[in-house]
C-alpha atoms as a PDB file:
ATOM      1  CA  UNK A   1     -46.304  -1.723  20.347  1.00  0.00           C
ATOM      2  CA  UNK A   2     -43.994  -4.462  21.589  1.00  0.00           C
ATOM      3  CA  UNK A   3     -44.661  -6.554  18.438  1.00  0.00           C
ATOM      4  CA  UNK A   4     -43.870  -3.599  16.169  1.00  0.00           C
ATOM      5  CA  UNK A   5     -40.592  -2.977  17.998  1.00  0.00           C
ATOM      6  CA  UNK A   6     -39.557  -6.652  17.821  1.00  0.00           C
ATOM      7  CA  UNK A   7     -40.483  -6.818  14.110  1.00  0.00           C
ATOM      8  CA  UNK A   8     -38.445  -3.692  13.437  1.00  0.00           C
ATOM      9  CA  UNK A   9     -35.454  -5.180  15.283  1.00  0.00           C
ATOM     10  CA  UNK A  10     -35.598  -8.348  13.124  1.00  0.00           C
ATOM     11  CA  UNK A  11     -35.672  -6.259   9.952  1.00  0.00           C
ATOM     12  CA  UNK A  12     -32.681  -4.167  11.092  1.00  0.00           C
ATOM     13  CA  UNK A  13     -30.741  -7.281  12.148  1.00  0.00           C
ATOM     14  CA  UNK A  14     -31.430  -9.022   8.826  1.00  0.00           C
ATOM     15  CA  UNK A  15     -30.351  -5.952   6.864  1.00  0.00           C
ATOM     16  CA  UNK A  16     -27.113  -5.477   8.822  1.00  0.00           C
ATOM     17  CA  UNK A  17     -26.186  -9.177   8.667  1.00  0.00           C
ATOM     18  CA  UNK A  18     -26.492  -9.261   4.862  1.00  0.00           C
ATOM     19  CA  UNK A  19     -24.337  -6.167   4.276  1.00  0.00           C
ATOM     20  CA  UNK A  20     -21.015  -6.894   2.619  1.00  0.00           C
ATOM     21  CA  UNK A  21     -17.975  -4.651   2.816  1.00  0.00           C
ATOM     22  CA  UNK A  22     -16.957  -5.639  -0.716  1.00  0.00           C
ATOM     23  CA  UNK A  23     -20.124  -4.022  -2.043  1.00  0.00           C
ATOM     24  CA  UNK A  24     -20.156  -1.303   0.589  1.00  0.00           C
ATOM     25  CA  UNK A  25     -19.448   2.148  -0.756  1.00  0.00           C
ATOM     26  CA  UNK A  26     -19.782   5.628   0.653  1.00  0.00           C
ATOM     27  CA  UNK A  27     -19.993   8.657  -1.623  1.00  0.00           C
ATOM     28  CA  UNK A  28     -18.703   6.548  -4.503  1.00  0.00           C
ATOM     29  CA  UNK A  29     -15.626   5.426  -2.551  1.00  0.00           C
ATOM     30  CA  UNK A  30     -14.790   1.887  -1.499  1.00  0.00           C
ATOM     31  CA  UNK A  31     -14.292   1.084   2.165  1.00  0.00           C
ATOM     32  CA  UNK A  32     -11.034  -0.549   3.264  1.00  0.00           C
ATOM     33  CA  UNK A  33      -9.903  -1.626   6.705  1.00  0.00           C
ATOM     34  CA  UNK A  34      -6.614  -0.888   8.492  1.00  0.00           C
ATOM     35  CA  UNK A  35      -5.135  -4.156   7.142  1.00  0.00           C
ATOM     36  CA  UNK A  36      -5.874  -5.408   3.611  1.00  0.00           C
ATOM     37  CA  UNK A  37      -4.468  -8.026   1.259  1.00  0.00           C
ATOM     38  CA  UNK A  38      -3.014  -6.247  -1.769  1.00  0.00           C
ATOM     39  CA  UNK A  39      -1.797  -8.014  -4.914  1.00  0.00           C
ATOM     40  CA  UNK A  40       1.271  -6.410  -6.506  1.00  0.00           C
ATOM     41  CA  UNK A  41       0.802  -7.234 -10.177  1.00  0.00           C
ATOM     42  CA  UNK A  42       4.406  -6.428 -11.144  1.00  0.00           C
ATOM     43  CA  UNK A  43       5.626  -9.096  -8.699  1.00  0.00           C
ATOM     44  CA  UNK A  44       2.653 -11.478  -8.917  1.00  0.00           C
ATOM     45  CA  UNK A  45       2.668 -11.512  -5.099  1.00  0.00           C
ATOM     46  CA  UNK A  46       0.172 -10.854  -2.334  1.00  0.00           C
ATOM     47  CA  UNK A  47       1.092  -8.657   0.613  1.00  0.00           C
ATOM     48  CA  UNK A  48      -0.726  -8.173   3.901  1.00  0.00           C
ATOM     49  CA  UNK A  49      -0.643  -4.366   3.859  1.00  0.00           C
ATOM     50  CA  UNK A  50      -1.056  -1.745   6.558  1.00  0.00           C
ATOM     51  CA  UNK A  51      -3.252   1.166   5.477  1.00  0.00           C
ATOM     52  CA  UNK A  52      -1.605   4.348   6.801  1.00  0.00           C
ATOM     53  CA  UNK A  53      -3.477   7.614   6.292  1.00  0.00           C
ATOM     54  CA  UNK A  54      -0.484   9.453   7.779  1.00  0.00           C
ATOM     55  CA  UNK A  55       1.877   8.298   5.031  1.00  0.00           C
ATOM     56  CA  UNK A  56       1.885  10.346   1.856  1.00  0.00           C
ATOM     57  CA  UNK A  57       3.386   7.658  -0.390  1.00  0.00           C
ATOM     58  CA  UNK A  58       3.013   3.876  -0.450  1.00  0.00           C
ATOM     59  CA  UNK A  59       6.147   1.967   0.562  1.00  0.00           C
ATOM     60  CA  UNK A  60       7.237  -1.613  -0.190  1.00  0.00           C
ATOM     61  CA  UNK A  61       9.888  -3.861   1.329  1.00  0.00           C
ATOM     62  CA  UNK A  62      12.947  -3.467  -0.930  1.00  0.00           C
ATOM     63  CA  UNK A  63      16.549  -4.470  -0.340  1.00  0.00           C
ATOM     64  CA  UNK A  64      19.707  -5.191  -2.352  1.00  0.00           C
ATOM     65  CA  UNK A  65      18.972  -2.098  -4.430  1.00  0.00           C
ATOM     66  CA  UNK A  66      21.159  -1.620  -7.504  1.00  0.00           C
ATOM     67  CA  UNK A  67      20.881   1.350  -9.857  1.00  0.00           C
ATOM     68  CA  UNK A  68      21.691   0.073 -13.352  1.00  0.00           C
ATOM     69  CA  UNK A  69      24.464   2.231 -14.878  1.00  0.00           C
ATOM     70  CA  UNK A  70      24.073   4.737 -12.036  1.00  0.00           C
ATOM     71  CA  UNK A  71      25.477   5.920  -8.736  1.00  0.00           C
ATOM     72  CA  UNK A  72      24.867   3.173  -6.162  1.00  0.00           C
ATOM     73  CA  UNK A  73      26.332   5.164  -3.268  1.00  0.00           C
ATOM     74  CA  UNK A  74      24.904   8.670  -3.587  1.00  0.00           C
ATOM     75  CA  UNK A  75      26.021  11.286  -1.066  1.00  0.00           C
ATOM     76  CA  UNK A  76      23.359  12.532   1.310  1.00  0.00           C
ATOM     77  CA  UNK A  77      22.392  15.494  -0.851  1.00  0.00           C
ATOM     78  CA  UNK A  78      19.613  16.114  -3.338  1.00  0.00           C
ATOM     79  CA  UNK A  79      21.875  16.556  -6.374  1.00  0.00           C
ATOM     80  CA  UNK A  80      23.684  13.248  -5.854  1.00  0.00           C
ATOM     81  CA  UNK A  81      20.433  11.270  -5.590  1.00  0.00           C
ATOM     82  CA  UNK A  82      18.827  13.073  -8.532  1.00  0.00           C
ATOM     83  CA  UNK A  83      21.649  11.867 -10.837  1.00  0.00           C
ATOM     84  CA  UNK A  84      19.818   8.516 -10.818  1.00  0.00           C
ATOM     85  CA  UNK A  85      16.392   9.914 -11.714  1.00  0.00           C
ATOM     86  CA  UNK A  86      15.071   8.158 -14.830  1.00  0.00           C
ATOM     87  CA  UNK A  87      17.504   5.249 -14.524  1.00  0.00           C
ATOM     88  CA  UNK A  88      16.514   1.647 -13.885  1.00  0.00           C
ATOM     89  CA  UNK A  89      16.766   0.179 -10.395  1.00  0.00           C
ATOM     90  CA  UNK A  90      16.816  -3.508  -9.514  1.00  0.00           C
ATOM     91  CA  UNK A  91      15.790  -4.702  -6.046  1.00  0.00           C
ATOM     92  CA  UNK A  92      14.664  -7.747  -4.126  1.00  0.00           C
ATOM     93  CA  UNK A  93      11.461  -7.905  -2.151  1.00  0.00           C
ATOM     94  CA  UNK A  94       9.766 -10.467   0.062  1.00  0.00           C
ATOM     95  CA  UNK A  95       6.319 -10.676   1.599  1.00  0.00           C
ATOM     96  CA  UNK A  96       5.486 -11.982   5.094  1.00  0.00           C
ATOM     97  CA  UNK A  97       5.078 -15.523   3.716  1.00  0.00           C
ATOM     98  CA  UNK A  98       8.722 -15.523   2.584  1.00  0.00           C
ATOM     99  CA  UNK A  99       8.030 -15.338  -1.166  1.00  0.00           C
ATOM    100  CA  UNK A 100      10.945 -13.455  -2.703  1.00  0.00           C
ATOM    101  CA  UNK A 101      11.140 -11.760  -6.096  1.00  0.00           C
ATOM    102  CA  UNK A 102      13.563  -9.489  -7.917  1.00  0.00           C
ATOM    103  CA  UNK A 103      12.100  -6.547  -9.808  1.00  0.00           C
ATOM    104  CA  UNK A 104      13.517  -3.837 -12.032  1.00  0.00           C
ATOM    105  CA  UNK A 105      11.726  -0.541 -12.527  1.00  0.00           C
ATOM    106  CA  UNK A 106      12.393   3.022 -13.616  1.00  0.00           C
ATOM    107  CA  UNK A 107      13.205   5.545 -10.878  1.00  0.00           C
ATOM    108  CA  UNK A 108      10.446   8.136 -11.258  1.00  0.00           C
ATOM    109  CA  UNK A 109      11.130  10.234  -8.166  1.00  0.00           C
ATOM    110  CA  UNK A 110      13.299  10.622  -5.106  1.00  0.00           C
ATOM    111  CA  UNK A 111      11.557  11.466  -1.867  1.00  0.00           C
ATOM    112  CA  UNK A 112      12.926  12.981   1.300  1.00  0.00           C
ATOM    113  CA  UNK A 113      11.140  11.196   4.144  1.00  0.00           C
ATOM    114  CA  UNK A 114      10.956  12.387   7.742  1.00  0.00           C
ATOM    115  CA  UNK A 115      10.130   9.684  10.268  1.00  0.00           C
ATOM    116  CA  UNK A 116      10.932   8.615  13.839  1.00  0.00           C
ATOM    117  CA  UNK A 117      14.396   7.459  12.714  1.00  0.00           C
ATOM    118  CA  UNK A 118      15.240  10.858  11.217  1.00  0.00           C
ATOM    119  CA  UNK A 119      15.434  11.946   7.581  1.00  0.00           C
ATOM    120  CA  UNK A 120      16.155   9.621   4.678  1.00  0.00           C
ATOM    121  CA  UNK A 121      15.925   9.633   0.895  1.00  0.00           C
ATOM    122  CA  UNK A 122      14.101   6.927  -1.040  1.00  0.00           C
ATOM    123  CA  UNK A 123      13.715   5.993  -4.666  1.00  0.00           C
ATOM    124  CA  UNK A 124      10.224   5.400  -6.058  1.00  0.00           C
ATOM    125  CA  UNK A 125       9.044   3.265  -8.979  1.00  0.00           C
ATOM    126  CA  UNK A 126       5.557   2.792 -10.419  1.00  0.00           C
ATOM    127  CA  UNK A 127       3.838  -0.431  -9.376  1.00  0.00           C
ATOM    128  CA  UNK A 128       0.372  -1.767 -10.122  1.00  0.00           C
ATOM    129  CA  UNK A 129      -1.499  -2.587  -6.893  1.00  0.00           C
ATOM    130  CA  UNK A 130      -4.751  -4.569  -6.976  1.00  0.00           C
ATOM    131  CA  UNK A 131      -7.389  -4.769  -4.236  1.00  0.00           C
ATOM    132  CA  UNK A 132     -10.649  -6.673  -4.850  1.00  0.00           C
ATOM    133  CA  UNK A 133     -10.105  -6.514  -8.603  1.00  0.00           C
ATOM    134  CA  UNK A 134      -9.473  -2.751  -8.636  1.00  0.00           C
ATOM    135  CA  UNK A 135      -6.092  -1.911 -10.145  1.00  0.00           C
ATOM    136  CA  UNK A 136      -4.114   1.308  -9.577  1.00  0.00           C
ATOM    137  CA  UNK A 137      -0.607   2.047 -10.853  1.00  0.00           C
ATOM    138  CA  UNK A 138       1.043   4.429  -8.379  1.00  0.00           C
ATOM    139  CA  UNK A 139       4.492   5.557  -7.226  1.00  0.00           C
ATOM    140  CA  UNK A 140       5.859   3.246  -4.510  1.00  0.00           C
ATOM    141  CA  UNK A 141       8.834   4.095  -2.277  1.00  0.00           C
ATOM    142  CA  UNK A 142      11.542   1.474  -1.912  1.00  0.00           C
ATOM    143  CA  UNK A 143      12.509   0.836   1.721  1.00  0.00           C
ATOM    144  CA  UNK A 144      13.958  -2.090   3.639  1.00  0.00           C
ATOM    145  CA  UNK A 145      10.951  -3.261   5.697  1.00  0.00           C
ATOM    146  CA  UNK A 146      12.282  -6.758   6.549  1.00  0.00           C
ATOM    147  CA  UNK A 147      12.162  -6.022  10.294  1.00  0.00           C
ATOM    148  CA  UNK A 148       8.634  -4.591  10.112  1.00  0.00           C
ATOM    149  CA  UNK A 149       5.439  -6.617  10.425  1.00  0.00           C
ATOM    150  CA  UNK A 150       3.879  -5.226   7.246  1.00  0.00           C
ATOM    151  CA  UNK A 151       6.043  -5.413   4.140  1.00  0.00           C
ATOM    152  CA  UNK A 152       3.711  -3.085   2.248  1.00  0.00           C
ATOM    153  CA  UNK A 153       2.500   0.218   3.662  1.00  0.00           C
ATOM    154  CA  UNK A 154      -0.359   1.820   1.750  1.00  0.00           C
ATOM    155  CA  UNK A 155      -0.234   5.613   1.752  1.00  0.00           C
ATOM    156  CA  UNK A 156      -2.582   8.405   0.741  1.00  0.00           C
ATOM    157  CA  UNK A 157      -1.407   8.290  -2.898  1.00  0.00           C
ATOM    158  CA  UNK A 158      -3.296   4.969  -3.232  1.00  0.00           C
ATOM    159  CA  UNK A 159      -6.267   5.982  -1.075  1.00  0.00           C
ATOM    160  CA  UNK A 160      -6.822   9.470  -2.486  1.00  0.00           C
ATOM    161  CA  UNK A 161     -10.227   9.945  -4.057  1.00  0.00           C
ATOM    162  CA  UNK A 162     -11.016   6.222  -4.220  1.00  0.00           C
ATOM    163  CA  UNK A 163     -11.101   4.782  -0.703  1.00  0.00           C
ATOM    164  CA  UNK A 164     -12.256   5.469   2.849  1.00  0.00           C
ATOM    165  CA  UNK A 165     -10.780   3.684   5.872  1.00  0.00           C
ATOM    166  CA  UNK A 166     -13.016   1.966   8.429  1.00  0.00           C
ATOM    167  CA  UNK A 167     -10.800   0.901  11.341  1.00  0.00           C
ATOM    168  CA  UNK A 168     -13.382  -1.677  12.475  1.00  0.00           C
ATOM    169  CA  UNK A 169     -13.300  -3.546   9.135  1.00  0.00           C
ATOM    170  CA  UNK A 170     -11.408  -6.836   9.003  1.00  0.00           C
ATOM    171  CA  UNK A 171      -9.408  -8.017   5.972  1.00  0.00           C
ATOM    172  CA  UNK A 172     -11.612 -11.081   5.522  1.00  0.00           C
ATOM    173  CA  UNK A 173     -14.808  -8.946   5.477  1.00  0.00           C
ATOM    174  CA  UNK A 174     -14.478  -8.435   1.708  1.00  0.00           C
END
């Protein structure tokens, strides 16, 4: 009986040690950890991103925003912000490594965000985010995240229907 138990333990240990998160799926969804490296194709930059299941929309570090041919100082009301909907917006971004890029994209929506600092409005543009070769173009909020550790926050709009979060998974596991 002891030999059978020890043999079974070796088989289980060998199976677990050869499992790879990159190939690991559950119900047809890929498993990500709480921190992942995400490539933003539009910027040709990698970001160490925080996966946040509490955030509805993905958010990227964006500063020096300039609405091309639009209102760059909208009043704090919906109508004023919505005047810029469909216009182009230029902004700078930087990742944690200090790489900086300027990007211009079309404003596709304006979100009203409630957080610990209060209520704020943010512009969103579509960006193509790539993780482990899987590409997804999604709306991304523009927010100054220079003072935050993670310059890219991944929200449910990226996770939805495609990914599950395993908080024990490490970024280098895949």
